Amino acid sequence: MSEEDPAYILFTSGSTGEPKGVAQSHQAAVAYVQHVVERLEMSADSRVAQTFDLTFDPSVHSIFTAWAAGATLVVCDRVDIMRPAPFAQRHAITHWTAVPSTISMAKRLGQLTPNCLPSLRWSVFGGEQLTIEQAAAWGAAAPGSIIENTYGPTEMTIACASYRLPPSITEWPKTSNGTVPIGTVHARQEHILLDEGKVVDVEGELCLRGIQRFAGYLDDAQNLGSFIRLTGGQSQPFTGRHPVPPEYWYRTGDRVRYEAGLLVHHGRLDRQVKILGHRIELGEIEACLRNLPFIDEAVVLAVGDGQKVLLCGLFTGVEPPENEIQDALRKKLPGYMIPQRLIWMSQMPLTANGKVDMAELAVLASAERNRR
């Protein structure tokens, strides 16, 4: 067995819904585990919560970093994840890793009260955007914990970028979309930002390579368009067979922007839409919705195509009159960015991995469009 041989295989659907087999090498997995054990100061006295299903790659984070450090691994069930305080207190948990949506769920259930998580030393979130509001709610519940936001597609071995929030909330960064930065790319990884096939400095698609990059999808056909290399300042797509040479960059499909020297995740490229000739970033509308005092979570979807695109906003929180939300948004956004439909929800639907279920929200948005 060599370090390039697969350590594990996971399947990810990405934005297309088509399963893609991702084989990660021993070299990539070991590099990640060693990085995390050192960064999170894990040791034999650490007690690590395992909150993930085994088909979700962050489970590799919890299991193997705990074992590598000689720490105790304690497995949660679904009730424990939504009610973290009794579980963490009962097992003296020091390291907690989860998706941000679980914060909102615990808060909504009244399970995230001030100082209810006194044993936590490290809290790590990833898998989706972490909002400032979510981080603040968790910080109040676990005042002795360092909060770290992580980013990474399955193809880059769990996480490849991170940002550690300062101890004082007054020092937290203010980002344009109200999310915690993903920070900087980890050591032994490289990144560029790409826009229309050219490298740019401030905002673009995040492309990555390095020791944690996978060698390509199991199906060679799925590698087409997923990798590029730069020649003379121009990008060239990978057209060969697995394995993909290390000089190629993996195209994440994620749009990022440098803000105050930190990378901020601004959503998927496929969430950019055009309405009346204007390119719209759905994440910008979501940020404005979350800034309204009566809204907790918000997702904006574009329903339809061509000249019949309709914006639908789905949100949790207090249900005010629809025109009150639209009036508030008109003070911050141009008319073509105001959602024509708004759907109040008591809670966001979640996938088996605890993320917001975008597919179910799309069904609800489409049904609302057809109903009206």
Protein backbone atom coordinates (compact mmCIF):
# COMPACT_ATOMS: atom_id res chain seq x y z
CA MET A 1 0.00 0.00 0.00
CA SER A 2 1.27 3.48 -0.89
CA GLU A 3 0.26 6.88 0.43
CA GLU A 4 -1.49 7.60 -2.89
CA ASP A 5 -3.84 4.64 -2.45
CA PRO A 6 -7.44 5.42 -1.40
CA ALA A 7 -8.10 5.67 2.33
CA TYR A 8 -11.86 6.01 1.84
CA ILE A 9 -14.47 6.72 -0.81
CA LEU A 10 -17.43 9.05 -0.38
CA PHE A 11 -20.13 10.06 -2.82
CA THR A 12 -21.16 13.67 -3.24
CA SER A 13 -23.97 14.97 -5.41
CA GLY A 14 -22.72 18.58 -5.65
CA SER A 15 -25.19 20.96 -7.27
CA THR A 16 -26.26 18.57 -10.05
CA GLY A 17 -27.70 15.77 -7.93
CA GLU A 18 -25.64 13.22 -9.89
CA PRO A 19 -23.59 11.07 -7.49
CA LYS A 20 -19.84 11.53 -7.84
CA GLY A 21 -17.39 9.09 -6.32
CA VAL A 22 -14.56 10.83 -4.45
CA ALA A 23 -11.62 8.67 -3.37
CA GLN A 24 -9.29 10.39 -0.90
CA SER A 25 -5.77 9.12 -0.48
CA HIS A 26 -4.02 8.19 2.75
CA GLN A 27 -1.67 11.12 2.11
CA ALA A 28 -4.53 13.63 1.94
CA ALA A 29 -6.33 12.22 4.97
CA VAL A 30 -3.20 12.08 7.12
CA ALA A 31 -2.24 15.65 6.17
CA TYR A 32 -5.68 16.88 7.20
CA VAL A 33 -5.79 14.94 10.47
CA GLN A 34 -2.32 16.11 11.52
CA HIS A 35 -3.25 19.72 10.75
CA VAL A 36 -6.45 19.58 12.81
CA VAL A 37 -4.96 17.80 15.84
CA GLU A 38 -2.35 20.52 16.15
CA ARG A 39 -4.63 23.45 15.33
CA LEU A 40 -7.37 22.41 17.77
CA GLU A 41 -4.91 21.46 20.52
CA MET A 42 -6.31 17.94 20.76
CA SER A 43 -4.82 15.55 23.30
CA ALA A 44 -5.62 12.49 25.38
CA ASP A 45 -7.83 14.54 27.73
CA SER A 46 -9.98 15.88 24.89
CA ARG A 47 -13.56 14.61 24.60
CA VAL A 48 -14.85 14.87 21.05
CA ALA A 49 -18.49 14.86 19.97
CA GLN A 50 -19.25 12.89 16.81
CA THR A 51 -22.36 14.58 15.36
CA PHE A 52 -22.27 13.39 11.75
CA ASP A 53 -23.64 10.50 9.74
CA LEU A 54 -20.86 8.26 8.39
CA THR A 55 -21.80 9.13 4.79
CA PHE A 56 -20.95 12.81 5.46
CA ASP A 57 -17.22 13.54 5.25
CA PRO A 58 -16.96 15.65 8.45
CA SER A 59 -17.39 12.34 10.28
CA VAL A 60 -13.83 11.59 9.16
CA HIS A 61 -12.80 14.80 10.93
CA SER A 62 -14.33 13.85 14.27
CA ILE A 63 -13.43 10.16 14.30
CA PHE A 64 -9.87 10.19 13.06
CA THR A 65 -8.67 13.38 14.74
CA ALA A 66 -9.93 12.00 18.06
CA TRP A 67 -8.21 8.68 17.54
CA ALA A 68 -4.99 10.30 16.32
CA ALA A 69 -4.84 12.41 19.49
CA GLY A 70 -5.75 9.52 21.79
CA ALA A 71 -8.90 11.44 22.75
CA THR A 72 -12.30 10.09 23.74
CA LEU A 73 -14.90 9.99 20.96
CA VAL A 74 -18.53 10.30 22.09
CA VAL A 75 -21.27 9.63 19.53
CA CYS A 76 -24.39 11.82 19.46
CA ASP A 77 -27.84 10.81 18.35
CA ARG A 78 -30.23 13.21 16.59
CA VAL A 79 -31.80 14.39 19.84
CA ASP A 80 -28.38 15.19 21.31
CA ILE A 81 -27.48 17.38 18.33
CA MET A 82 -30.61 19.50 18.72
CA ARG A 83 -30.24 19.60 22.52
CA PRO A 84 -26.47 19.92 22.91
CA ALA A 85 -26.30 21.19 26.49
CA PRO A 86 -27.39 18.03 28.38
CA PHE A 87 -25.22 15.87 26.14
CA ALA A 88 -22.13 18.08 26.44
CA GLN A 89 -22.52 18.42 30.21
CA ARG A 90 -23.12 14.69 30.73
CA HIS A 91 -20.02 13.74 28.77
CA ALA A 92 -17.82 16.79 29.54
CA ILE A 93 -17.39 17.45 25.81
CA THR A 94 -14.43 19.71 24.94
CA HIS A 95 -14.58 19.64 21.11
CA TRP A 96 -17.82 20.13 19.20
CA THR A 97 -18.10 20.06 15.40
CA ALA A 98 -21.39 20.51 13.54
CA VAL A 99 -23.16 22.22 10.67
CA PRO A 100 -24.45 25.77 11.42
CA SER A 101 -28.11 24.84 10.90
CA THR A 102 -28.01 22.88 14.15
CA ILE A 103 -27.39 26.16 16.00
CA SER A 104 -30.61 27.62 14.64
CA MET A 105 -32.53 24.46 15.48
CA ALA A 106 -31.22 24.32 19.06
CA LYS A 107 -31.98 28.01 19.55
CA ARG A 108 -35.52 27.61 18.23
CA LEU A 109 -36.09 24.71 20.64
CA GLY A 110 -34.95 26.85 23.57
CA GLN A 111 -31.89 24.65 24.05
CA LEU A 112 -29.21 27.32 23.59
CA THR A 113 -29.24 29.44 26.71
CA PRO A 114 -26.33 31.57 27.99
CA ASN A 115 -23.46 29.53 29.45
CA CYS A 116 -25.21 26.20 28.91
CA LEU A 117 -22.07 24.69 27.35
CA PRO A 118 -19.35 25.48 29.91
CA SER A 119 -17.11 22.47 29.11
CA LEU A 120 -16.51 23.34 25.47
CA ARG A 121 -13.03 24.57 24.53
CA TRP A 122 -13.39 24.34 20.76
CA SER A 123 -16.44 24.73 18.51
CA VAL A 124 -15.96 24.08 14.80
CA PHE A 125 -18.64 24.68 12.15
CA GLY A 126 -18.68 23.88 8.45
CA GLY A 127 -20.67 22.39 5.61
CA GLU A 128 -22.62 25.60 4.92
CA GLN A 129 -22.33 29.30 5.61
CA LEU A 130 -22.08 30.28 9.28
CA THR A 131 -23.86 33.56 9.95
CA ILE A 132 -22.69 36.12 12.47
CA GLU A 133 -26.00 35.70 14.32
CA GLN A 134 -25.52 31.95 14.62
CA ALA A 135 -21.96 32.38 15.86
CA ALA A 136 -23.07 34.95 18.44
CA ALA A 137 -25.80 32.64 19.76
CA TRP A 138 -23.31 29.79 20.11
CA GLY A 139 -20.70 32.06 21.66
CA ALA A 140 -23.13 33.11 24.39
CA ALA A 141 -23.94 29.47 25.13
CA ALA A 142 -20.26 28.43 25.16
CA PRO A 143 -18.35 31.49 26.41
CA GLY A 144 -15.21 29.46 27.13
CA SER A 145 -15.01 28.04 23.63
CA ILE A 146 -13.02 29.19 20.62
CA ILE A 147 -15.28 29.32 17.56
CA GLU A 148 -13.82 28.36 14.20
CA ASN A 149 -15.53 28.49 10.82
CA THR A 150 -14.27 26.04 8.21
CA TYR A 151 -14.71 25.58 4.50
CA GLY A 152 -13.96 22.72 2.16
CA PRO A 153 -15.60 20.56 -0.48
CA THR A 154 -15.38 16.80 -0.14
CA GLU A 155 -12.91 16.89 -3.02
CA MET A 156 -10.40 18.79 -0.86
CA THR A 157 -10.54 16.39 2.11
CA ILE A 158 -13.14 17.77 4.49
CA ALA A 159 -11.85 21.33 5.03
CA CYS A 160 -9.07 23.38 3.47
CA ALA A 161 -9.70 26.89 4.82
CA SER A 162 -10.68 28.27 8.20
CA TYR A 163 -11.17 31.38 10.27
CA ARG A 164 -11.01 31.70 14.05
CA LEU A 165 -13.28 34.34 15.55
CA PRO A 166 -11.57 36.69 18.04
CA PRO A 167 -12.49 36.19 21.72
CA SER A 168 -14.34 39.51 21.92
CA ILE A 169 -17.45 39.89 19.78
CA THR A 170 -16.61 43.57 19.36
CA GLU A 171 -13.60 42.48 17.29
CA TRP A 172 -15.56 40.20 14.97
CA PRO A 173 -15.38 41.14 11.28
CA LYS A 174 -18.35 42.70 9.53
CA THR A 175 -18.81 41.10 6.14
CA SER A 176 -20.98 42.24 3.26
CA ASN A 177 -23.28 39.21 3.50
CA GLY A 178 -23.38 38.79 7.28
CA THR A 179 -21.48 35.50 7.32
CA VAL A 180 -18.31 34.57 9.18
CA PRO A 181 -15.28 34.58 6.82
CA ILE A 182 -13.79 31.29 5.74
CA GLY A 183 -10.49 33.05 6.35
CA THR A 184 -7.34 31.67 4.78
CA VAL A 185 -6.38 28.49 2.99
CA HIS A 186 -4.50 25.93 5.08
CA ALA A 187 -0.78 25.29 4.77
CA ARG A 188 0.25 22.96 1.90
CA GLN A 189 -2.77 24.10 -0.12
CA GLU A 190 -2.81 26.71 -2.88
CA HIS A 191 -5.65 28.77 -4.26
CA ILE A 192 -6.53 31.20 -7.04
CA LEU A 193 -9.68 33.13 -7.91
CA LEU A 194 -10.95 32.68 -11.44
CA ASP A 195 -13.36 34.84 -13.45
CA GLU A 196 -14.17 34.06 -17.09
CA GLY A 197 -11.09 31.91 -17.41
CA LYS A 198 -8.65 34.47 -16.00
CA VAL A 199 -7.05 34.82 -12.58
CA VAL A 200 -8.42 37.80 -10.61
CA ASP A 201 -7.47 39.40 -7.31
CA VAL A 202 -10.66 40.22 -5.39
CA GLU A 203 -13.65 38.10 -6.34
CA GLY A 204 -14.20 34.94 -8.34
CA GLU A 205 -14.51 31.19 -8.34
CA LEU A 206 -12.27 29.54 -5.77
CA CYS A 207 -9.87 27.02 -7.35
CA LEU A 208 -7.64 24.81 -5.20
CA ARG A 209 -4.78 22.37 -5.34
CA GLY A 210 -2.31 20.87 -2.89
CA ILE A 211 -1.77 17.82 -0.78
CA GLN A 212 -5.47 17.51 0.14
CA ARG A 213 -6.78 17.68 -3.43
CA PHE A 214 -8.31 14.42 -4.65
CA ALA A 215 -7.00 12.74 -7.81
CA GLY A 216 -10.27 12.97 -9.72
CA TYR A 217 -13.73 11.42 -9.71
CA LEU A 218 -14.04 7.68 -10.11
CA ASP A 219 -15.95 8.28 -13.35
CA ASP A 220 -13.51 9.99 -15.72
CA ALA A 221 -16.37 11.71 -17.55
CA GLN A 222 -17.17 13.70 -14.41
CA ASN A 223 -13.69 15.22 -14.37
CA LEU A 224 -14.37 17.20 -17.54
CA GLY A 225 -14.80 20.85 -16.56
CA SER A 226 -13.81 20.18 -12.94
CA PHE A 227 -10.07 20.85 -13.33
CA ILE A 228 -7.99 23.49 -15.08
CA ARG A 229 -4.36 24.46 -15.46
CA LEU A 230 -2.95 27.84 -16.35
CA THR A 231 -0.82 28.33 -19.43
CA GLY A 232 0.30 31.81 -20.43
CA GLY A 233 -2.31 33.34 -18.14
CA GLN A 234 -5.13 31.38 -19.75
CA SER A 235 -6.98 28.43 -18.24
CA GLN A 236 -7.07 25.07 -19.99
CA PRO A 237 -9.50 22.33 -18.92
CA PHE A 238 -8.37 18.83 -18.04
CA THR A 239 -9.37 16.32 -20.73
CA GLY A 240 -7.41 13.22 -19.75
CA ARG A 241 -8.07 10.24 -17.55
CA HIS A 242 -7.81 9.66 -13.81
CA PRO A 243 -5.56 10.43 -11.95
CA VAL A 244 -5.51 14.18 -12.53
CA PRO A 245 -1.94 15.57 -12.38
CA PRO A 246 -1.18 17.67 -9.27
CA GLU A 247 -0.56 20.90 -11.22
CA TYR A 248 -4.25 21.12 -12.11
CA TRP A 249 -6.58 23.30 -10.02
CA TYR A 250 -9.88 21.90 -8.76
CA ARG A 251 -12.80 24.22 -9.60
CA THR A 252 -15.01 24.36 -6.52
CA GLY A 253 -17.94 26.20 -8.11
CA ASP A 254 -17.95 28.48 -5.05
CA ARG A 255 -17.73 32.26 -5.35
CA VAL A 256 -15.52 33.99 -2.80
CA ARG A 257 -14.48 37.58 -2.19
CA TYR A 258 -11.59 39.08 -0.30
CA GLU A 259 -12.90 41.39 2.42
CA ALA A 260 -10.36 43.01 4.77
CA GLY A 261 -7.81 40.41 3.71
CA LEU A 262 -10.05 37.42 4.46
CA LEU A 263 -11.91 35.11 2.12
CA VAL A 264 -15.69 35.36 2.46
CA HIS A 265 -17.93 32.72 0.92
CA HIS A 266 -20.61 34.25 -1.30
CA GLY A 267 -22.41 31.13 -2.40
CA ARG A 268 -22.43 28.87 -5.40
CA LEU A 269 -21.81 30.22 -8.89
CA ASP A 270 -24.97 28.45 -10.02
CA ARG A 271 -26.94 30.71 -7.64
CA GLN A 272 -26.27 33.73 -9.85
CA VAL A 273 -29.32 34.56 -11.98
CA LYS A 274 -30.21 37.19 -14.56
CA ILE A 275 -33.45 39.15 -14.33
CA LEU A 276 -34.26 41.93 -16.80
CA GLY A 277 -30.62 41.91 -17.86
CA HIS A 278 -29.30 42.33 -14.31
CA ARG A 279 -27.02 39.72 -12.76
CA ILE A 280 -28.32 38.98 -9.27
CA GLU A 281 -26.55 37.31 -6.39
CA LEU A 282 -29.20 35.53 -4.37
CA GLY A 283 -26.95 35.59 -1.30
CA GLU A 284 -27.09 39.39 -1.23
CA ILE A 285 -30.89 39.28 -0.94
CA GLU A 286 -30.64 36.65 1.77
CA ALA A 287 -28.24 38.86 3.74
CA CYS A 288 -30.70 41.75 3.58
CA LEU A 289 -33.53 39.51 4.77
CA ARG A 290 -31.47 38.23 7.70
CA ASN A 291 -30.74 41.81 8.73
CA LEU A 292 -34.45 42.47 9.31
CA PRO A 293 -35.20 42.26 13.06
CA PHE A 294 -38.06 39.77 12.71
CA ILE A 295 -36.23 37.25 10.47
CA ASP A 296 -33.87 34.52 11.70
CA GLU A 297 -32.97 32.42 8.64
CA ALA A 298 -33.55 33.17 4.98
CA VAL A 299 -33.11 31.45 1.63
CA VAL A 300 -33.90 33.07 -1.71
CA LEU A 301 -34.52 30.94 -4.80
CA ALA A 302 -35.06 31.82 -8.45
CA VAL A 303 -37.97 29.84 -9.90
CA GLY A 304 -38.53 29.48 -13.63
CA ASP A 305 -36.29 30.46 -16.52
CA GLY A 306 -35.93 32.82 -19.44
CA GLN A 307 -38.10 35.91 -19.08
CA LYS A 308 -40.29 34.31 -16.40
CA VAL A 309 -37.88 34.11 -13.47
CA LEU A 310 -39.54 34.74 -10.13
CA LEU A 311 -37.69 35.36 -6.86
CA CYS A 312 -39.06 33.53 -3.84
CA GLY A 313 -37.86 34.22 -0.31
CA LEU A 314 -38.33 31.56 2.38
CA PHE A 315 -37.69 32.58 5.98
CA THR A 316 -38.10 31.74 9.65
CA GLY A 317 -38.80 34.07 12.55
CA VAL A 318 -41.85 36.24 13.19
CA GLU A 319 -44.38 36.30 10.36
CA PRO A 320 -45.06 39.97 9.51
CA PRO A 321 -47.30 41.14 6.65
CA GLU A 322 -45.64 40.36 3.31
CA ASN A 323 -45.67 43.98 2.19
CA GLU A 324 -43.81 44.98 5.36
CA ILE A 325 -40.86 42.82 4.33
CA GLN A 326 -40.92 44.07 0.78
CA ASP A 327 -41.13 47.70 1.94
CA ALA A 328 -38.11 47.15 4.21
CA LEU A 329 -36.14 45.55 1.37
CA ARG A 330 -36.90 48.44 -1.00
CA LYS A 331 -34.86 50.69 1.28
CA LYS A 332 -31.78 48.51 0.65
CA LEU A 333 -32.24 46.84 -2.74
CA PRO A 334 -33.28 47.82 -6.27
CA GLY A 335 -36.76 46.76 -7.34
CA TYR A 336 -35.62 43.86 -9.51
CA MET A 337 -34.02 42.21 -6.45
CA ILE A 338 -37.18 42.24 -4.30
CA PRO A 339 -38.69 38.73 -3.96
CA GLN A 340 -42.15 38.61 -5.50
CA ARG A 341 -43.14 35.72 -3.24
CA LEU A 342 -42.38 35.29 0.46
CA ILE A 343 -42.99 32.09 2.42
CA TRP A 344 -42.86 32.02 6.21
CA MET A 345 -41.75 28.72 7.75
CA SER A 346 -41.74 27.64 11.37
CA GLN A 347 -38.37 25.98 10.69
CA MET A 348 -36.09 25.24 7.77
CA PRO A 349 -36.19 21.65 6.47
CA LEU A 350 -32.91 19.83 7.01
CA THR A 351 -31.19 17.02 5.14
CA ALA A 352 -29.99 13.87 6.88
CA ASN A 353 -26.63 15.66 7.32
CA GLY A 354 -28.24 18.59 9.14
CA LYS A 355 -27.86 21.11 6.31
CA VAL A 356 -30.70 23.25 5.02
CA ASP A 357 -32.55 21.11 2.47
CA MET A 358 -32.37 23.27 -0.66
CA ALA A 359 -34.14 20.66 -2.79
CA GLU A 360 -37.22 20.67 -0.54
CA LEU A 361 -37.22 24.47 -0.48
CA ALA A 362 -37.12 24.50 -4.29
CA VAL A 363 -40.24 22.30 -4.37
CA LEU A 364 -42.05 24.67 -2.00
CA ALA A 365 -41.00 27.72 -4.02
CA SER A 366 -42.15 26.14 -7.28
CA ALA A 367 -45.49 25.20 -5.74
CA GLU A 368 -45.97 28.78 -4.53
CA ARG A 369 -45.22 30.13 -7.99
CA ASN A 370 -47.73 27.79 -9.62
CA ARG A 371 -50.38 28.47 -6.98
CA ARG A 372 -50.34 32.19 -7.67
